[in-house]
N, C-alpha and C. Protein backbone atom coordinates (compact mmCIF):
# COMPACT_ATOMS: atom_id res chain seq x y z
N MET A 1 96.67 129.21 103.33
CA MET A 1 98.09 128.91 103.52
C MET A 1 98.31 127.46 103.14
N GLY A 2 99.12 127.17 102.18
CA GLY A 2 99.30 125.81 101.71
C GLY A 2 100.55 125.19 102.30
N LEU A 3 100.59 123.87 102.27
CA LEU A 3 101.72 123.15 102.85
C LEU A 3 102.70 122.80 101.75
N SER A 4 103.92 123.31 101.84
CA SER A 4 104.92 123.09 100.81
C SER A 4 105.83 121.95 101.22
N MET A 5 105.54 120.76 100.72
CA MET A 5 106.39 119.62 100.99
C MET A 5 106.22 118.62 99.85
N MET A 6 107.19 117.74 99.71
CA MET A 6 107.16 116.75 98.66
C MET A 6 106.83 115.40 99.28
N ILE A 7 105.99 114.62 98.60
CA ILE A 7 105.58 113.33 99.10
C ILE A 7 106.19 112.25 98.21
N GLU A 8 107.06 111.41 98.76
CA GLU A 8 107.73 110.40 97.97
C GLU A 8 106.80 109.22 97.69
N VAL A 9 106.94 108.65 96.53
CA VAL A 9 106.20 107.44 96.19
C VAL A 9 106.91 106.26 96.84
N ALA A 10 106.16 105.45 97.62
CA ALA A 10 106.78 104.41 98.44
C ALA A 10 106.72 103.03 97.81
N ASN A 11 105.90 102.82 96.79
CA ASN A 11 105.76 101.51 96.18
C ASN A 11 107.02 101.17 95.39
N PRO A 12 107.76 100.11 95.76
CA PRO A 12 109.03 99.82 95.06
C PRO A 12 108.82 99.41 93.61
N GLU A 13 107.60 98.98 93.25
CA GLU A 13 107.33 98.58 91.88
C GLU A 13 106.94 99.77 91.00
N THR A 14 106.80 100.92 91.63
CA THR A 14 106.45 102.13 90.90
C THR A 14 107.69 102.98 90.74
N GLN A 15 107.81 103.62 89.63
CA GLN A 15 108.97 104.49 89.42
C GLN A 15 108.99 105.57 90.50
N HIS A 16 110.14 105.72 91.14
CA HIS A 16 110.22 106.69 92.23
C HIS A 16 110.15 108.11 91.69
N GLY A 17 109.51 108.95 92.45
CA GLY A 17 109.37 110.33 92.06
C GLY A 17 108.74 111.09 93.20
N ALA A 18 108.26 112.28 92.93
CA ALA A 18 107.63 113.09 93.97
C ALA A 18 106.47 113.86 93.37
N PHE A 19 105.42 113.99 94.18
CA PHE A 19 104.31 114.82 93.76
C PHE A 19 104.75 116.28 93.81
N GLY A 20 104.22 117.08 92.91
CA GLY A 20 104.46 118.51 92.98
C GLY A 20 103.72 119.11 94.15
N THR A 21 104.08 120.33 94.49
CA THR A 21 103.48 121.01 95.65
C THR A 21 101.97 121.12 95.52
N ASP A 22 101.46 121.43 94.33
CA ASP A 22 100.02 121.58 94.16
C ASP A 22 99.28 120.28 94.47
N VAL A 23 99.85 119.15 94.01
CA VAL A 23 99.21 117.86 94.27
C VAL A 23 99.27 117.53 95.76
N ALA A 24 100.43 117.77 96.38
CA ALA A 24 100.56 117.50 97.82
C ALA A 24 99.56 118.33 98.62
N ASN A 25 99.42 119.60 98.27
CA ASN A 25 98.46 120.46 98.97
C ASN A 25 97.04 119.96 98.79
N ALA A 26 96.71 119.55 97.57
CA ALA A 26 95.35 119.06 97.30
C ALA A 26 95.04 117.83 98.13
N ILE A 27 96.03 116.93 98.25
CA ILE A 27 95.83 115.71 99.05
C ILE A 27 95.62 116.08 100.52
N LEU A 28 96.44 116.96 101.05
CA LEU A 28 96.34 117.33 102.47
C LEU A 28 95.05 118.07 102.77
N ASN A 29 94.47 118.73 101.77
CA ASN A 29 93.21 119.41 102.00
C ASN A 29 92.00 118.49 101.87
N LEU A 30 92.24 117.22 101.54
CA LEU A 30 91.16 116.24 101.51
C LEU A 30 90.99 115.52 102.84
N VAL A 31 92.01 115.54 103.69
CA VAL A 31 91.93 114.78 104.93
C VAL A 31 91.05 115.50 105.94
N ASN A 32 90.47 114.69 106.85
CA ASN A 32 89.49 115.19 107.80
C ASN A 32 90.13 115.66 109.11
N PHE A 33 91.36 116.13 109.02
CA PHE A 33 92.04 116.67 110.19
C PHE A 33 93.01 117.75 109.74
N GLY A 34 93.37 118.62 110.68
CA GLY A 34 94.29 119.70 110.36
C GLY A 34 95.73 119.24 110.40
N VAL A 35 96.57 119.91 109.62
CA VAL A 35 98.01 119.64 109.60
C VAL A 35 98.75 120.96 109.72
N ILE A 36 99.66 121.04 110.69
CA ILE A 36 100.47 122.24 110.90
C ILE A 36 101.93 121.83 110.99
N VAL A 37 102.80 122.53 110.30
CA VAL A 37 104.24 122.38 110.48
C VAL A 37 104.72 123.64 111.20
N ALA A 38 105.34 123.46 112.38
CA ALA A 38 105.77 124.60 113.19
C ALA A 38 107.26 124.50 113.50
N ASP A 39 107.91 125.67 113.65
CA ASP A 39 109.32 125.66 114.02
C ASP A 39 109.45 125.55 115.53
N SER A 40 110.67 125.61 116.03
CA SER A 40 110.91 125.39 117.47
C SER A 40 110.30 126.45 118.35
N GLU A 41 110.00 127.63 117.79
CA GLU A 41 109.37 128.71 118.54
C GLU A 41 107.85 128.67 118.47
N GLY A 42 107.31 127.62 117.80
CA GLY A 42 105.86 127.51 117.69
C GLY A 42 105.27 128.37 116.61
N ARG A 43 106.08 128.79 115.65
CA ARG A 43 105.58 129.60 114.52
C ARG A 43 105.18 128.66 113.39
N PRO A 44 103.93 128.73 112.92
CA PRO A 44 103.51 127.87 111.81
C PRO A 44 104.30 128.22 110.54
N CYS A 45 104.91 127.21 109.96
CA CYS A 45 105.59 127.38 108.67
C CYS A 45 104.63 127.08 107.52
N ALA A 46 103.68 126.17 107.76
CA ALA A 46 102.73 125.78 106.74
C ALA A 46 101.56 125.06 107.41
N THR A 47 100.41 125.09 106.77
CA THR A 47 99.23 124.38 107.27
C THR A 47 98.40 123.89 106.07
N ASN A 48 97.50 122.97 106.35
CA ASN A 48 96.45 122.73 105.36
C ASN A 48 95.27 123.64 105.70
N ASP A 49 94.27 123.65 104.85
CA ASP A 49 93.18 124.62 105.01
C ASP A 49 92.40 124.41 106.30
N LEU A 50 92.15 123.15 106.68
CA LEU A 50 91.36 122.89 107.87
C LEU A 50 92.04 123.42 109.12
N ALA A 51 93.34 123.17 109.24
CA ALA A 51 94.08 123.68 110.41
C ALA A 51 94.07 125.20 110.42
N TRP A 52 94.28 125.81 109.24
CA TRP A 52 94.31 127.26 109.19
C TRP A 52 92.95 127.86 109.56
N ASN A 53 91.86 127.16 109.25
CA ASN A 53 90.53 127.65 109.63
C ASN A 53 90.40 127.74 111.14
N TYR A 54 90.93 126.75 111.88
CA TYR A 54 90.90 126.81 113.34
C TYR A 54 91.70 128.02 113.83
N VAL A 55 92.90 128.19 113.30
CA VAL A 55 93.78 129.27 113.75
C VAL A 55 93.20 130.64 113.40
N ALA A 56 92.74 130.80 112.16
CA ALA A 56 92.22 132.09 111.71
C ALA A 56 90.97 132.50 112.50
N ALA A 57 90.16 131.50 112.89
CA ALA A 57 88.93 131.79 113.64
C ALA A 57 89.17 131.87 115.14
N GLY A 58 90.39 131.57 115.59
CA GLY A 58 90.66 131.54 117.02
C GLY A 58 89.86 130.46 117.72
N ASP A 59 89.63 129.35 117.02
CA ASP A 59 88.79 128.27 117.53
C ASP A 59 89.66 127.21 118.21
N GLY A 60 90.06 127.50 119.44
CA GLY A 60 90.95 126.59 120.17
C GLY A 60 92.41 126.93 119.95
N LEU A 61 92.77 127.15 118.70
CA LEU A 61 94.12 127.58 118.34
C LEU A 61 94.06 128.96 117.72
N ALA A 62 95.14 129.73 117.90
CA ALA A 62 95.23 131.05 117.29
C ALA A 62 96.71 131.40 117.17
N GLN A 63 96.98 132.61 116.71
CA GLN A 63 98.36 133.11 116.63
C GLN A 63 98.49 134.41 117.41
N LYS A 64 99.63 134.58 118.07
CA LYS A 64 99.97 135.83 118.72
C LYS A 64 101.45 136.07 118.49
N ASN A 65 101.76 137.21 117.90
CA ASN A 65 103.15 137.51 117.53
C ASN A 65 103.74 136.40 116.65
N GLY A 66 102.90 135.83 115.82
CA GLY A 66 103.34 134.81 114.89
C GLY A 66 103.45 133.42 115.46
N GLN A 67 103.18 133.26 116.78
CA GLN A 67 103.32 131.96 117.43
C GLN A 67 101.96 131.35 117.72
N LEU A 68 101.90 130.03 117.69
CA LEU A 68 100.66 129.34 118.03
C LEU A 68 100.35 129.52 119.51
N ILE A 69 99.07 129.80 119.79
CA ILE A 69 98.62 129.89 121.18
C ILE A 69 97.28 129.15 121.29
N THR A 70 96.87 128.89 122.53
CA THR A 70 95.56 128.32 122.80
C THR A 70 94.75 129.36 123.58
N GLU A 71 93.59 128.97 124.05
CA GLU A 71 92.74 129.92 124.77
C GLU A 71 93.15 130.08 126.23
N SER A 72 94.03 129.22 126.73
CA SER A 72 94.48 129.35 128.12
C SER A 72 96.00 129.40 128.16
N ASP A 73 96.51 130.17 129.10
CA ASP A 73 97.96 130.28 129.24
C ASP A 73 98.59 128.92 129.57
N PHE A 74 97.90 128.14 130.39
CA PHE A 74 98.42 126.83 130.79
C PHE A 74 98.60 125.92 129.57
N GLU A 75 97.56 125.85 128.71
CA GLU A 75 97.64 124.99 127.54
C GLU A 75 98.62 125.55 126.51
N THR A 76 98.75 126.87 126.45
CA THR A 76 99.74 127.46 125.54
C THR A 76 101.14 127.05 125.95
N GLU A 77 101.44 127.12 127.26
CA GLU A 77 102.76 126.71 127.74
C GLU A 77 103.01 125.23 127.45
N ALA A 78 101.97 124.42 127.65
CA ALA A 78 102.11 122.99 127.38
C ALA A 78 102.37 122.74 125.90
N LEU A 79 101.68 123.47 125.03
CA LEU A 79 101.87 123.32 123.59
C LEU A 79 103.28 123.74 123.19
N ARG A 80 103.73 124.88 123.70
CA ARG A 80 105.08 125.36 123.38
C ARG A 80 106.14 124.34 123.83
N SER A 81 105.95 123.79 125.02
CA SER A 81 106.90 122.82 125.55
C SER A 81 106.96 121.58 124.67
N ARG A 82 105.81 121.11 124.22
CA ARG A 82 105.75 119.91 123.38
C ARG A 82 106.34 120.18 122.00
N ILE A 83 106.11 121.37 121.46
CA ILE A 83 106.69 121.71 120.16
C ILE A 83 108.21 121.75 120.26
N THR A 84 108.72 122.38 121.31
CA THR A 84 110.17 122.46 121.50
C THR A 84 110.78 121.07 121.65
N ALA A 85 110.10 120.20 122.41
CA ALA A 85 110.61 118.85 122.61
C ALA A 85 110.60 118.06 121.30
N ALA A 86 109.59 118.28 120.47
CA ALA A 86 109.52 117.57 119.19
C ALA A 86 110.65 118.02 118.27
N VAL A 87 110.89 119.35 118.22
CA VAL A 87 111.89 119.89 117.30
C VAL A 87 113.31 119.61 117.78
N ARG A 88 113.59 119.91 119.04
CA ARG A 88 114.96 119.85 119.54
C ARG A 88 115.38 118.48 120.07
N LEU A 89 114.40 117.70 120.57
CA LEU A 89 114.73 116.42 121.18
C LEU A 89 114.18 115.23 120.40
N GLY A 90 113.37 115.51 119.37
CA GLY A 90 112.80 114.42 118.59
C GLY A 90 111.73 113.63 119.32
N GLN A 91 111.05 114.28 120.28
CA GLN A 91 110.07 113.58 121.09
C GLN A 91 108.66 113.75 120.53
N SER A 92 107.90 112.65 120.50
CA SER A 92 106.49 112.70 120.13
C SER A 92 105.67 113.11 121.34
N ALA A 93 104.49 113.68 121.09
CA ALA A 93 103.65 114.11 122.20
C ALA A 93 102.20 114.19 121.73
N ALA A 94 101.30 114.35 122.70
CA ALA A 94 99.87 114.52 122.42
C ALA A 94 99.27 115.39 123.50
N MET A 95 98.21 116.11 123.17
CA MET A 95 97.51 116.92 124.17
C MET A 95 96.12 117.29 123.69
N LEU A 96 95.27 117.66 124.64
CA LEU A 96 93.95 118.19 124.34
C LEU A 96 93.98 119.70 124.42
N VAL A 97 93.29 120.36 123.52
CA VAL A 97 93.13 121.81 123.55
C VAL A 97 91.64 122.11 123.66
N HIS A 98 91.25 122.77 124.73
CA HIS A 98 89.84 123.06 124.96
C HIS A 98 89.42 124.33 124.22
N ARG A 99 88.14 124.40 123.89
CA ARG A 99 87.63 125.51 123.07
C ARG A 99 86.38 126.10 123.71
N SER A 100 86.34 127.42 123.80
CA SER A 100 85.15 128.07 124.35
C SER A 100 84.00 128.09 123.36
N LYS A 101 84.31 127.97 122.06
CA LYS A 101 83.27 128.03 121.03
C LYS A 101 82.63 126.67 120.76
N ASN A 102 83.19 125.62 121.33
CA ASN A 102 82.71 124.28 121.03
C ASN A 102 82.98 123.39 122.23
N ILE A 103 82.02 122.56 122.59
CA ILE A 103 82.19 121.69 123.75
C ILE A 103 83.24 120.62 123.50
N LYS A 104 83.48 120.29 122.22
CA LYS A 104 84.42 119.22 121.90
C LYS A 104 85.82 119.80 121.73
N PRO A 105 86.80 119.23 122.43
CA PRO A 105 88.17 119.75 122.34
C PRO A 105 88.86 119.33 121.05
N LEU A 106 90.03 119.89 120.83
CA LEU A 106 90.89 119.46 119.74
C LEU A 106 91.94 118.51 120.29
N VAL A 107 92.21 117.44 119.54
CA VAL A 107 93.29 116.52 119.89
C VAL A 107 94.48 116.85 119.02
N LEU A 108 95.61 117.17 119.65
CA LEU A 108 96.84 117.50 118.92
C LEU A 108 97.84 116.36 119.11
N LEU A 109 98.37 115.86 117.99
CA LEU A 109 99.46 114.90 118.01
C LEU A 109 100.67 115.57 117.40
N LEU A 110 101.80 115.51 118.08
CA LEU A 110 103.02 116.19 117.63
C LEU A 110 104.11 115.18 117.36
N GLU A 111 104.73 115.31 116.20
CA GLU A 111 105.81 114.42 115.80
C GLU A 111 106.98 115.25 115.28
N PRO A 112 108.22 114.82 115.56
CA PRO A 112 109.37 115.50 114.96
C PRO A 112 109.36 115.31 113.45
N PHE A 113 109.79 116.35 112.74
CA PHE A 113 109.74 116.33 111.27
C PHE A 113 110.94 117.11 110.74
N VAL A 114 111.60 116.56 109.71
CA VAL A 114 112.71 117.24 109.07
C VAL A 114 112.34 117.53 107.63
N ALA A 115 112.36 118.82 107.25
CA ALA A 115 112.05 119.20 105.88
C ALA A 115 113.11 118.63 104.94
N GLU A 116 112.67 117.88 103.95
CA GLU A 116 113.61 117.16 103.09
C GLU A 116 114.49 118.10 102.26
N ASP A 117 113.91 119.21 101.82
CA ASP A 117 114.67 120.08 100.92
C ASP A 117 115.68 120.96 101.64
N THR A 118 115.35 121.37 102.89
CA THR A 118 116.23 122.29 103.60
C THR A 118 116.93 121.67 104.81
N GLY A 119 116.43 120.52 105.28
CA GLY A 119 116.98 119.92 106.48
C GLY A 119 116.50 120.59 107.75
N GLN A 120 115.56 121.53 107.65
CA GLN A 120 115.05 122.24 108.83
C GLN A 120 114.25 121.29 109.71
N ARG A 121 114.54 121.31 111.01
CA ARG A 121 113.81 120.50 111.97
C ARG A 121 112.55 121.23 112.41
N CYS A 122 111.43 120.53 112.37
CA CYS A 122 110.13 121.14 112.68
C CYS A 122 109.31 120.17 113.52
N ALA A 123 108.15 120.66 113.95
CA ALA A 123 107.15 119.80 114.59
C ALA A 123 105.99 119.65 113.63
N LEU A 124 105.61 118.41 113.35
CA LEU A 124 104.44 118.12 112.54
C LEU A 124 103.27 117.90 113.49
N ILE A 125 102.27 118.78 113.42
CA ILE A 125 101.15 118.74 114.35
C ILE A 125 99.89 118.38 113.58
N THR A 126 99.24 117.29 113.97
CA THR A 126 97.93 116.98 113.41
C THR A 126 96.87 117.42 114.41
N VAL A 127 95.80 117.99 113.89
CA VAL A 127 94.75 118.57 114.71
C VAL A 127 93.44 117.88 114.37
N ARG A 128 92.88 117.16 115.33
CA ARG A 128 91.65 116.42 115.10
C ARG A 128 90.59 116.90 116.07
N GLU A 129 89.44 117.24 115.55
CA GLU A 129 88.32 117.64 116.40
C GLU A 129 87.60 116.39 116.87
N VAL A 130 87.47 116.22 118.18
CA VAL A 130 86.80 115.04 118.72
C VAL A 130 85.37 114.99 118.19
N GLY A 131 85.03 113.86 117.57
CA GLY A 131 83.68 113.69 117.05
C GLY A 131 83.40 114.41 115.76
N ARG A 132 84.43 114.99 115.11
CA ARG A 132 84.18 115.67 113.85
C ARG A 132 83.77 114.66 112.79
N PRO A 133 82.57 114.81 112.20
CA PRO A 133 82.12 113.82 111.22
C PRO A 133 82.63 114.11 109.83
N SER A 134 82.96 113.07 109.10
CA SER A 134 83.17 113.21 107.67
C SER A 134 81.81 113.41 107.01
N ASN A 135 81.76 114.20 105.99
CA ASN A 135 80.51 114.43 105.28
C ASN A 135 80.00 113.17 104.60
N ARG A 136 80.90 112.19 104.40
CA ARG A 136 80.54 111.03 103.61
C ARG A 136 80.72 109.71 104.35
N VAL A 137 80.84 109.75 105.69
CA VAL A 137 81.13 108.51 106.39
C VAL A 137 79.98 107.52 106.26
N ALA A 138 78.72 107.98 106.29
CA ALA A 138 77.59 107.05 106.14
C ALA A 138 77.61 106.42 104.75
N GLU A 139 77.88 107.23 103.73
CA GLU A 139 77.95 106.72 102.37
C GLU A 139 79.06 105.69 102.23
N ARG A 140 80.22 105.97 102.81
CA ARG A 140 81.34 105.04 102.71
C ARG A 140 81.04 103.75 103.46
N ALA A 141 80.36 103.88 104.61
CA ALA A 141 80.01 102.69 105.38
C ALA A 141 79.07 101.80 104.57
N ARG A 142 78.13 102.38 103.86
CA ARG A 142 77.23 101.60 103.01
C ARG A 142 78.00 100.86 101.93
N MET A 143 78.96 101.55 101.31
CA MET A 143 79.73 100.92 100.24
C MET A 143 80.60 99.79 100.78
N MET A 144 81.15 99.96 101.97
CA MET A 144 82.08 98.97 102.52
C MET A 144 81.37 97.71 103.00
N PHE A 145 80.17 97.88 103.60
CA PHE A 145 79.55 96.75 104.30
C PHE A 145 78.13 96.43 103.85
N ASN A 146 77.68 97.07 102.78
CA ASN A 146 76.33 96.82 102.27
C ASN A 146 75.27 97.09 103.33
N PHE A 147 75.48 98.15 104.12
CA PHE A 147 74.48 98.54 105.11
C PHE A 147 73.22 99.05 104.42
N SER A 148 72.10 98.91 105.10
CA SER A 148 70.90 99.63 104.68
C SER A 148 71.11 101.11 104.98
N PRO A 149 70.32 101.99 104.36
CA PRO A 149 70.47 103.43 104.68
C PRO A 149 70.35 103.71 106.17
N ALA A 150 69.40 103.04 106.84
CA ALA A 150 69.22 103.28 108.28
C ALA A 150 70.42 102.81 109.06
N GLU A 151 70.95 101.63 108.73
CA GLU A 151 72.13 101.11 109.43
C GLU A 151 73.32 102.03 109.25
N ALA A 152 73.52 102.51 108.02
CA ALA A 152 74.67 103.38 107.75
C ALA A 152 74.57 104.67 108.55
N GLU A 153 73.39 105.25 108.61
CA GLU A 153 73.20 106.51 109.34
C GLU A 153 73.41 106.31 110.83
N ILE A 154 72.86 105.24 111.36
CA ILE A 154 73.00 104.97 112.80
C ILE A 154 74.47 104.73 113.16
N VAL A 155 75.12 103.88 112.39
CA VAL A 155 76.52 103.55 112.68
C VAL A 155 77.42 104.77 112.58
N SER A 156 77.17 105.63 111.59
CA SER A 156 77.99 106.83 111.45
C SER A 156 77.81 107.75 112.64
N ARG A 157 76.60 107.83 113.16
CA ARG A 157 76.36 108.70 114.33
C ARG A 157 76.99 108.12 115.59
N VAL A 158 76.93 106.81 115.73
CA VAL A 158 77.59 106.17 116.88
C VAL A 158 79.09 106.40 116.81
N ALA A 159 79.66 106.31 115.61
CA ALA A 159 81.09 106.54 115.44
C ALA A 159 81.49 107.96 115.77
N GLN A 160 80.53 108.89 115.69
CA GLN A 160 80.79 110.29 116.03
C GLN A 160 80.64 110.55 117.53
N GLY A 161 80.33 109.49 118.30
CA GLY A 161 80.22 109.64 119.74
C GLY A 161 78.82 109.89 120.25
N ARG A 162 77.82 109.76 119.39
CA ARG A 162 76.44 109.98 119.81
C ARG A 162 75.95 108.78 120.61
N GLU A 163 75.09 109.04 121.59
CA GLU A 163 74.53 107.97 122.40
C GLU A 163 73.35 107.32 121.67
N PRO A 164 73.24 105.97 121.72
CA PRO A 164 72.14 105.29 121.04
C PRO A 164 70.75 105.82 121.40
N VAL A 165 70.54 106.15 122.68
CA VAL A 165 69.22 106.63 123.08
C VAL A 165 68.90 107.97 122.40
N ASP A 166 69.91 108.81 122.21
CA ASP A 166 69.70 110.09 121.53
C ASP A 166 69.45 109.88 120.04
N ILE A 167 70.17 108.92 119.45
CA ILE A 167 69.98 108.63 118.03
C ILE A 167 68.57 108.09 117.79
N ALA A 168 68.10 107.22 118.68
CA ALA A 168 66.75 106.67 118.56
C ALA A 168 65.71 107.79 118.62
N ALA A 169 65.90 108.74 119.54
CA ALA A 169 64.95 109.85 119.66
C ALA A 169 64.96 110.71 118.41
N GLU A 170 66.15 110.97 117.87
CA GLU A 170 66.25 111.79 116.67
C GLU A 170 65.58 111.12 115.47
N ARG A 171 65.69 109.80 115.40
CA ARG A 171 65.12 109.06 114.27
C ARG A 171 63.68 108.63 114.51
N ASN A 172 63.18 108.95 115.71
CA ASN A 172 61.79 108.64 116.06
C ASN A 172 61.51 107.14 115.99
N VAL A 173 62.47 106.36 116.52
CA VAL A 173 62.28 104.91 116.62
C VAL A 173 62.54 104.50 118.06
N SER A 174 62.09 103.32 118.42
CA SER A 174 62.33 102.83 119.78
C SER A 174 63.79 102.42 119.93
N ILE A 175 64.25 102.40 121.17
CA ILE A 175 65.63 101.99 121.42
C ILE A 175 65.83 100.53 121.04
N ASN A 176 64.76 99.72 121.17
CA ASN A 176 64.87 98.31 120.77
C ASN A 176 65.06 98.18 119.26
N THR A 177 64.34 98.99 118.48
CA THR A 177 64.52 98.98 117.02
C THR A 177 65.94 99.38 116.68
N LEU A 178 66.45 100.40 117.35
CA LEU A 178 67.81 100.85 117.08
C LEU A 178 68.82 99.75 117.41
N ARG A 179 68.60 99.04 118.50
CA ARG A 179 69.53 97.98 118.88
C ARG A 179 69.52 96.83 117.87
N VAL A 180 68.35 96.53 117.33
CA VAL A 180 68.26 95.50 116.29
C VAL A 180 69.05 95.93 115.06
N GLN A 181 68.92 97.20 114.67
CA GLN A 181 69.66 97.71 113.50
C GLN A 181 71.16 97.72 113.77
N MET A 182 71.54 98.06 114.99
CA MET A 182 72.96 98.04 115.36
C MET A 182 73.50 96.61 115.33
N ALA A 183 72.71 95.66 115.83
CA ALA A 183 73.15 94.26 115.83
C ALA A 183 73.32 93.76 114.41
N SER A 184 72.41 94.14 113.51
CA SER A 184 72.52 93.74 112.11
C SER A 184 73.79 94.32 111.49
N ALA A 185 74.10 95.58 111.82
CA ALA A 185 75.31 96.21 111.29
C ALA A 185 76.56 95.49 111.79
N MET A 186 76.57 95.10 113.06
CA MET A 186 77.74 94.42 113.62
C MET A 186 77.96 93.06 112.96
N VAL A 187 76.86 92.36 112.63
CA VAL A 187 76.98 91.09 111.93
C VAL A 187 77.64 91.30 110.57
N LYS A 188 77.23 92.35 109.86
CA LYS A 188 77.78 92.62 108.53
C LYS A 188 79.25 93.00 108.59
N VAL A 189 79.64 93.68 109.67
CA VAL A 189 81.05 94.08 109.82
C VAL A 189 81.89 92.92 110.35
N GLY A 190 81.25 92.00 111.10
CA GLY A 190 81.97 90.87 111.67
C GLY A 190 82.57 91.17 113.03
N VAL A 191 81.89 92.03 113.80
CA VAL A 191 82.35 92.36 115.15
C VAL A 191 81.23 92.06 116.14
N HIS A 192 81.57 92.09 117.43
CA HIS A 192 80.60 91.70 118.45
C HIS A 192 80.32 92.80 119.47
N ARG A 193 81.11 93.86 119.43
CA ARG A 193 80.93 94.94 120.41
C ARG A 193 80.85 96.29 119.71
N GLN A 194 80.16 97.22 120.37
CA GLN A 194 80.00 98.55 119.79
C GLN A 194 81.35 99.23 119.60
N ALA A 195 82.26 99.05 120.56
CA ALA A 195 83.58 99.69 120.45
C ALA A 195 84.33 99.19 119.22
N GLU A 196 84.19 97.90 118.91
CA GLU A 196 84.84 97.36 117.72
C GLU A 196 84.22 97.93 116.46
N LEU A 197 82.90 98.07 116.47
CA LEU A 197 82.20 98.66 115.32
C LEU A 197 82.67 100.08 115.08
N VAL A 198 82.76 100.86 116.14
CA VAL A 198 83.20 102.25 116.02
C VAL A 198 84.62 102.32 115.47
N SER A 199 85.49 101.42 115.94
CA SER A 199 86.87 101.42 115.47
C SER A 199 86.95 101.17 113.98
N VAL A 200 86.16 100.22 113.49
CA VAL A 200 86.18 99.90 112.06
C VAL A 200 85.61 101.04 111.24
N ILE A 201 84.48 101.59 111.66
CA ILE A 201 83.84 102.67 110.90
C ILE A 201 84.70 103.91 110.90
N SER A 202 85.42 104.16 111.98
CA SER A 202 86.28 105.34 112.04
C SER A 202 87.37 105.30 110.98
N SER A 203 87.71 104.10 110.52
CA SER A 203 88.74 104.00 109.48
C SER A 203 88.24 104.57 108.16
N ALA A 204 86.93 104.73 108.02
CA ALA A 204 86.37 105.33 106.80
C ALA A 204 86.18 106.82 106.95
N ASP A 205 86.66 107.38 108.08
CA ASP A 205 86.39 108.78 108.40
C ASP A 205 87.65 109.64 108.28
N ILE A 206 88.61 109.21 107.46
CA ILE A 206 89.86 109.94 107.33
C ILE A 206 89.72 111.10 106.33
N LEU A 207 88.95 110.86 105.25
CA LEU A 207 88.79 111.89 104.22
C LEU A 207 87.51 112.67 104.46
N LEU A 208 87.53 113.92 103.98
CA LEU A 208 86.34 114.75 104.09
C LEU A 208 85.21 114.20 103.25
């Protein structure tokens, strides 16, 4: 199911225009999170491939009678309420959706959205899996900060929410060795705390 929308060029020095639907869909299918456009009744009007994979597999999100649902009645009611508020009242919202197939929940951000071509009011829902890794985050981290292969791998795992002691065990190194490699990575990034390091590396984790 592809997302039918036009993306305006925002650079004032560039001739204004719009990407065609195929290009817009291709861009949305590169991002590392799901995108759903839903009407006031919670019916998906369009999705990118990642979001549709969650819905089609019933992985936290699913459809019933054409409407989005979750695995619990309570969270379904909360989702419906937030979608209605986004569409009818223009209110932004956020919520967690728990999944029986995966210990990590889905983070849903909801924003009011008006379709440019029809004027239809919708809810734009982004769906992010907590700790979902980009396939290339370690590679991108190396390119951005000249990390060693070990530093890039360690930092990417920390950014995914892994504990340093577990990473050390997986890599068969001591925790002290891991801390030295982490400290070296932080110097290269120019930060002093692990939380700051994770925040910076996460910025490289937007694309698949």
